[in-house]
Amino acid sequence: MNIVWNTFWQPKRGNAPNEYEDSFWPERLSGVLSSSRKFAVADGASESMQSGPWAKILAKCYCRSRSVGARRSAGSMVTRAYGEWESWQADYLRRRQESGRPLQWYEEPGFRKGAFATLVGVALRSRDGGQVFALSAAALGDSCLFLVRDGNLAVRFPVESSREFGRSPICLSSKPSANRGVLESFRFMPFQDLFTGDRLYLMTDALAAWFLGSWEEGFLPWATLDDACGFTSAASPLSAGSSSPSPTERFAALVESFRSDKALRNDDVTLTRIELV
């Protein structure tokens, strides 16, 4: 059995790609493999300064951690992220100084406050030479995992209803002093077996809210996403001719149409689609 993954993303309407504040890991947008692998999606809070780099550090640290299946291991992962953030922050300040653009007085309060992000990560563990995979997951905040099996939504994690989405989700801060009690809000899903044809969808909150709301109204939102991303059968992207839009372009068009119809809040959007084939 193989893991096939594809990641799609879009910045807020009106923002440039370099203003995108979500993140995902692995950095490769697609791949196929038959061994254990971790995936993560993180959503940087727009209200905080440099939330995009913090989201990237969290996603990377989750995927590079040995295991994140309980609060103790989550705490170890976050401690590693603090260290990487301090290194990134020092390098950022150095580059600003060398370019003649040192940190300004009006930026200092936001910089001292730190960055904030939500996180969802999944671990796919292979057994029996890759013949069997098991799934576990960890999450903080409202970035979500959905598992579709045999045409049904089998797992909603950690948010189970569209009514649960709000403007102020629990976020993990880059400042340890701001995280007192936050680690207690980590949610964990123990290992469960996966089967051929299972599809996993990792996504940040704006898309997740649309996904759950659509499902609650009796629609199949995964079918809409699969069509937009160019999947007509198990992990088989539509072949695009020279005049056909690419899956990335089709996903961008879908996101824009949802925003125009007010079905999707104007926020950064990230989707990682994983299929077992």
Protein backbone atom coordinates (compact mmCIF):
# COMPACT_ATOMS: atom_id res chain seq x y z
CA MET A 1 0.00 0.00 0.00
CA ASN A 2 1.28 3.48 -0.88
CA ILE A 3 0.69 6.98 0.48
CA VAL A 4 -0.07 9.58 -2.18
CA TRP A 5 -0.24 13.21 -1.12
CA ASN A 6 -0.93 16.58 -2.71
CA THR A 7 -0.96 20.00 -1.06
CA PHE A 8 -2.80 23.09 -2.30
CA TRP A 9 -2.78 26.58 -0.80
CA GLN A 10 -4.00 30.10 -1.41
CA PRO A 11 -3.32 33.40 0.39
CA LYS A 12 -6.09 35.73 1.46
CA ARG A 13 -7.84 37.57 -1.34
CA GLY A 14 -5.88 40.76 -1.94
CA ASN A 15 -2.64 39.38 -0.47
CA ALA A 16 0.52 38.38 -2.30
CA PRO A 17 1.85 34.81 -2.04
CA ASN A 18 4.64 35.99 0.29
CA GLU A 19 1.95 37.19 2.72
CA TYR A 20 0.56 33.66 3.13
CA GLU A 21 0.62 32.85 6.87
CA ASP A 22 -0.44 29.19 6.91
CA SER A 23 2.16 26.48 6.55
CA PHE A 24 2.46 22.77 5.78
CA TRP A 25 5.01 19.98 5.97
CA PRO A 26 6.49 18.23 4.03
CA GLU A 27 7.39 21.23 1.89
CA ARG A 28 7.02 19.16 -1.27
CA LEU A 29 3.58 19.68 -2.76
CA SER A 30 3.14 16.06 -3.81
CA GLY A 31 4.69 12.64 -3.52
CA VAL A 32 4.27 8.88 -3.34
CA LEU A 33 5.87 6.60 -0.77
CA SER A 34 5.39 3.29 0.97
CA SER A 35 6.97 3.99 4.37
CA SER A 36 5.98 5.80 7.55
CA ARG A 37 5.43 9.53 7.20
CA LYS A 38 4.11 12.52 9.15
CA PHE A 39 2.13 15.43 7.71
CA ALA A 40 1.13 18.71 9.32
CA VAL A 41 -0.80 21.88 8.57
CA ALA A 42 -0.55 25.01 10.72
CA ASP A 43 -2.46 28.27 10.64
CA GLY A 44 -0.60 31.42 11.67
CA ALA A 45 -2.81 33.95 13.44
CA SER A 46 -2.97 37.10 11.30
CA GLU A 47 -3.31 39.27 14.40
CA SER A 48 0.22 38.39 15.54
CA MET A 49 3.55 39.44 14.03
CA GLN A 50 5.55 36.84 12.05
CA SER A 51 2.91 34.14 12.53
CA GLY A 52 3.77 32.54 9.17
CA PRO A 53 7.33 31.56 10.18
CA TRP A 54 6.05 30.29 13.54
CA ALA A 55 3.42 28.15 11.78
CA LYS A 56 6.15 26.71 9.56
CA ILE A 57 8.33 25.89 12.56
CA LEU A 58 5.44 24.12 14.31
CA ALA A 59 4.53 22.04 11.24
CA LYS A 60 8.16 21.07 10.69
CA CYS A 61 8.81 20.23 14.34
CA TYR A 62 5.73 18.02 14.51
CA CYS A 63 6.86 16.06 11.46
CA ARG A 64 10.43 15.74 12.68
CA SER A 65 9.46 14.66 16.20
CA ARG A 66 9.66 10.99 17.03
CA SER A 67 6.14 10.78 18.42
CA VAL A 68 3.45 13.27 19.42
CA GLY A 69 0.80 11.11 21.01
CA ALA A 70 0.43 12.57 24.51
CA ARG A 71 0.94 15.85 26.36
CA ARG A 72 4.46 14.95 27.41
CA SER A 73 5.63 14.30 23.84
CA ALA A 74 3.70 17.36 22.64
CA GLY A 75 5.56 19.40 25.24
CA SER A 76 8.89 18.08 23.96
CA MET A 77 7.90 19.00 20.41
CA VAL A 78 6.92 22.53 21.48
CA THR A 79 10.19 22.97 23.39
CA ARG A 80 12.06 22.12 20.21
CA ALA A 81 9.93 24.65 18.35
CA TYR A 82 10.84 27.36 20.91
CA GLY A 83 14.52 26.75 20.18
CA GLU A 84 14.03 26.98 16.44
CA TRP A 85 11.97 30.15 16.87
CA GLU A 86 14.73 31.82 18.89
CA SER A 87 17.24 30.97 16.14
CA TRP A 88 14.88 32.25 13.44
CA GLN A 89 14.19 35.43 15.39
CA ALA A 90 17.89 36.20 15.89
CA ASP A 91 18.56 35.64 12.19
CA TYR A 92 15.58 37.82 11.23
CA LEU A 93 16.79 40.71 13.39
CA ARG A 94 20.31 40.36 12.00
CA ARG A 95 19.06 40.45 8.42
CA ARG A 96 16.92 43.50 9.17
CA GLN A 97 19.91 45.28 10.68
CA GLU A 98 22.25 44.40 7.80
CA SER A 99 19.74 45.59 5.22
CA GLY A 100 19.42 48.97 6.89
CA ARG A 101 15.89 48.24 8.13
CA PRO A 102 16.28 47.65 11.87
CA LEU A 103 13.22 46.84 13.95
CA GLN A 104 11.21 50.02 14.48
CA TRP A 105 9.80 51.19 17.81
CA TYR A 106 6.21 50.59 16.68
CA GLU A 107 7.06 46.97 15.78
CA GLU A 108 8.59 46.16 19.14
CA PRO A 109 5.33 45.50 21.08
CA GLY A 110 4.16 42.96 18.50
CA PHE A 111 7.59 41.37 18.36
CA ARG A 112 7.71 41.03 22.15
CA LYS A 113 4.19 39.58 22.22
CA GLY A 114 5.25 36.68 19.98
CA ALA A 115 3.54 34.76 17.20
CA PHE A 116 0.54 32.42 17.44
CA ALA A 117 -0.68 29.47 15.38
CA THR A 118 -2.92 26.42 15.40
CA LEU A 119 -1.69 22.98 14.36
CA VAL A 120 -2.94 19.60 13.18
CA GLY A 121 -0.59 16.73 12.43
CA VAL A 122 -0.98 13.12 11.41
CA ALA A 123 1.42 10.20 11.65
CA LEU A 124 1.07 7.30 9.23
CA ARG A 125 2.95 4.30 10.56
CA SER A 126 3.65 1.37 8.25
CA ARG A 127 3.69 -2.25 9.33
CA ASP A 128 4.32 -5.57 7.59
CA GLY A 129 6.60 -4.07 5.00
CA GLY A 130 4.20 -1.31 4.07
CA GLN A 131 1.20 -3.60 3.62
CA VAL A 132 -0.65 -1.94 6.50
CA PHE A 133 -0.75 1.66 7.72
CA ALA A 134 -2.08 3.03 10.99
CA LEU A 135 -3.09 6.64 11.61
CA SER A 136 -2.68 8.81 14.70
CA ALA A 137 -3.17 12.55 15.05
CA ALA A 138 -2.57 15.52 17.32
CA ALA A 139 -4.13 18.97 17.16
CA LEU A 140 -4.28 22.29 18.94
CA GLY A 141 -6.91 24.79 17.84
CA ASP A 142 -9.16 24.54 14.80
CA SER A 143 -6.98 23.23 11.99
CA CYS A 144 -8.66 19.94 11.11
CA LEU A 145 -8.32 16.37 9.91
CA PHE A 146 -11.10 14.55 8.08
CA LEU A 147 -11.05 10.89 7.11
CA VAL A 148 -13.32 9.73 4.29
CA ARG A 149 -13.91 5.99 3.96
CA ASP A 150 -16.29 4.25 1.54
CA GLY A 151 -17.96 7.54 0.67
CA ASN A 152 -18.63 8.48 4.31
CA LEU A 153 -17.05 11.00 6.65
CA ALA A 154 -15.58 8.61 9.21
CA VAL A 155 -13.44 10.98 11.32
CA ARG A 156 -13.79 14.67 12.24
CA PHE A 157 -10.86 15.84 14.36
CA PRO A 158 -10.55 17.86 16.52
CA VAL A 159 -13.57 19.99 15.50
CA GLU A 160 -16.77 17.99 14.93
CA SER A 161 -19.30 20.71 14.07
CA SER A 162 -19.22 23.88 11.99
CA ARG A 163 -20.75 25.68 14.96
CA GLU A 164 -17.50 25.21 16.89
CA PHE A 165 -15.50 27.57 14.69
CA GLY A 166 -14.94 31.00 16.18
CA ARG A 167 -12.81 34.04 15.71
CA SER A 168 -10.52 33.27 18.66
CA PRO A 169 -9.34 29.65 18.52
CA ILE A 170 -6.85 28.28 21.01
CA CYS A 171 -3.40 29.01 19.61
CA LEU A 172 0.13 28.02 20.53
CA SER A 173 2.44 30.97 21.17
CA SER A 174 6.12 31.28 20.31
CA LYS A 175 6.52 32.73 23.85
CA PRO A 176 6.59 30.02 26.55
CA SER A 177 5.14 32.42 29.12
CA ALA A 178 2.01 32.81 26.98
CA ASN A 179 1.38 29.06 26.86
CA ARG A 180 0.59 28.39 30.50
CA GLY A 181 -2.24 25.89 30.38
CA VAL A 182 -2.36 25.83 26.57
CA LEU A 183 -0.67 22.44 26.27
CA GLU A 184 -3.60 21.01 28.23
CA SER A 185 -5.75 21.82 25.18
CA PHE A 186 -3.84 19.51 22.84
CA ARG A 187 -6.10 16.77 21.47
CA PHE A 188 -4.81 13.33 20.52
CA MET A 189 -6.27 10.58 18.38
CA PRO A 190 -4.80 7.11 19.04
CA PHE A 191 -3.64 4.84 16.25
CA GLN A 192 -6.28 3.21 14.08
CA ASP A 193 -5.83 1.11 10.97
CA LEU A 194 -6.24 2.57 7.52
CA PHE A 195 -7.48 0.74 4.44
CA THR A 196 -6.94 1.01 0.71
CA GLY A 197 -9.01 3.88 -0.64
CA ASP A 198 -9.06 5.85 2.63
CA ARG A 199 -8.62 9.58 2.06
CA LEU A 200 -7.34 12.07 4.61
CA TYR A 201 -7.87 15.82 4.31
CA LEU A 202 -5.82 18.19 6.47
CA MET A 203 -6.98 21.80 6.28
CA THR A 204 -6.89 25.14 8.05
CA ASP A 205 -9.97 26.62 9.65
CA ALA A 206 -11.67 28.61 6.87
CA LEU A 207 -11.79 25.61 4.55
CA ALA A 208 -12.60 23.24 7.42
CA ALA A 209 -15.61 25.38 8.42
CA TRP A 210 -16.92 25.24 4.84
CA PHE A 211 -16.23 21.47 4.68
CA LEU A 212 -18.19 20.67 7.83
CA GLY A 213 -21.00 23.08 7.01
CA SER A 214 -21.40 21.55 3.55
CA TRP A 215 -21.42 18.02 5.00
CA GLU A 216 -24.00 19.01 7.62
CA GLU A 217 -26.27 20.20 4.80
CA GLY A 218 -26.09 16.78 3.14
CA PHE A 219 -23.44 17.47 0.52
CA LEU A 220 -20.15 15.62 -0.13
CA PRO A 221 -17.50 18.35 0.21
CA TRP A 222 -14.64 15.91 -0.42
CA ALA A 223 -16.08 15.23 -3.88
CA THR A 224 -16.03 18.97 -4.61
CA LEU A 225 -12.41 19.23 -3.48
CA ASP A 226 -11.37 16.11 -5.40
CA ASP A 227 -12.89 17.48 -8.56
CA ALA A 228 -11.22 20.86 -8.11
CA CYS A 229 -7.86 19.25 -7.36
CA GLY A 230 -8.10 17.04 -10.44
CA PHE A 231 -8.80 13.62 -8.94
CA THR A 232 -11.21 11.43 -10.83
CA SER A 233 -10.14 8.11 -9.28
CA ALA A 234 -7.79 6.85 -6.59
CA ALA A 235 -4.84 9.22 -6.55
CA SER A 236 -5.01 9.84 -10.31
CA PRO A 237 -4.74 13.54 -11.14
CA LEU A 238 -6.49 14.61 -14.31
CA SER A 239 -4.04 14.95 -17.15
CA ALA A 240 -4.00 18.58 -18.18
CA GLY A 241 -3.57 19.58 -21.79
CA SER A 242 -1.82 22.78 -22.77
CA SER A 243 -5.08 24.73 -22.60
CA SER A 244 -6.51 23.04 -19.50
CA PRO A 245 -6.15 24.63 -16.07
CA SER A 246 -3.80 22.82 -13.71
CA PRO A 247 -5.08 21.34 -10.43
CA THR A 248 -3.49 24.29 -8.62
CA GLU A 249 -5.35 26.74 -10.85
CA ARG A 250 -8.61 24.82 -10.42
CA PHE A 251 -8.23 24.84 -6.64
CA ALA A 252 -7.54 28.59 -6.69
CA ALA A 253 -10.65 29.15 -8.82
CA LEU A 254 -12.77 27.08 -6.40
CA VAL A 255 -11.52 29.06 -3.41
CA GLU A 256 -12.22 32.35 -5.18
CA SER A 257 -15.73 31.26 -6.15
CA PHE A 258 -16.47 30.26 -2.54
CA ARG A 259 -15.21 33.63 -1.32
CA SER A 260 -17.34 35.47 -3.86
CA ASP A 261 -20.40 33.51 -2.73
CA LYS A 262 -19.61 34.23 0.95
CA ALA A 263 -19.35 30.48 1.54
CA LEU A 264 -15.71 30.82 2.61
CA ARG A 265 -14.24 33.42 4.93
CA ASN A 266 -11.42 35.45 3.37
CA ASP A 267 -8.47 33.78 5.05
CA ASP A 268 -5.39 31.85 4.02
CA VAL A 269 -6.39 28.37 2.85
CA THR A 270 -4.36 25.17 3.01
CA LEU A 271 -5.35 21.64 2.03
CA THR A 272 -3.25 18.47 2.15
CA ARG A 273 -5.00 15.51 0.56
CA ILE A 274 -3.62 12.04 1.36
CA GLU A 275 -4.86 8.79 -0.17
CA LEU A 276 -3.97 5.17 0.56
CA VAL A 277 -3.67 3.23 -2.69
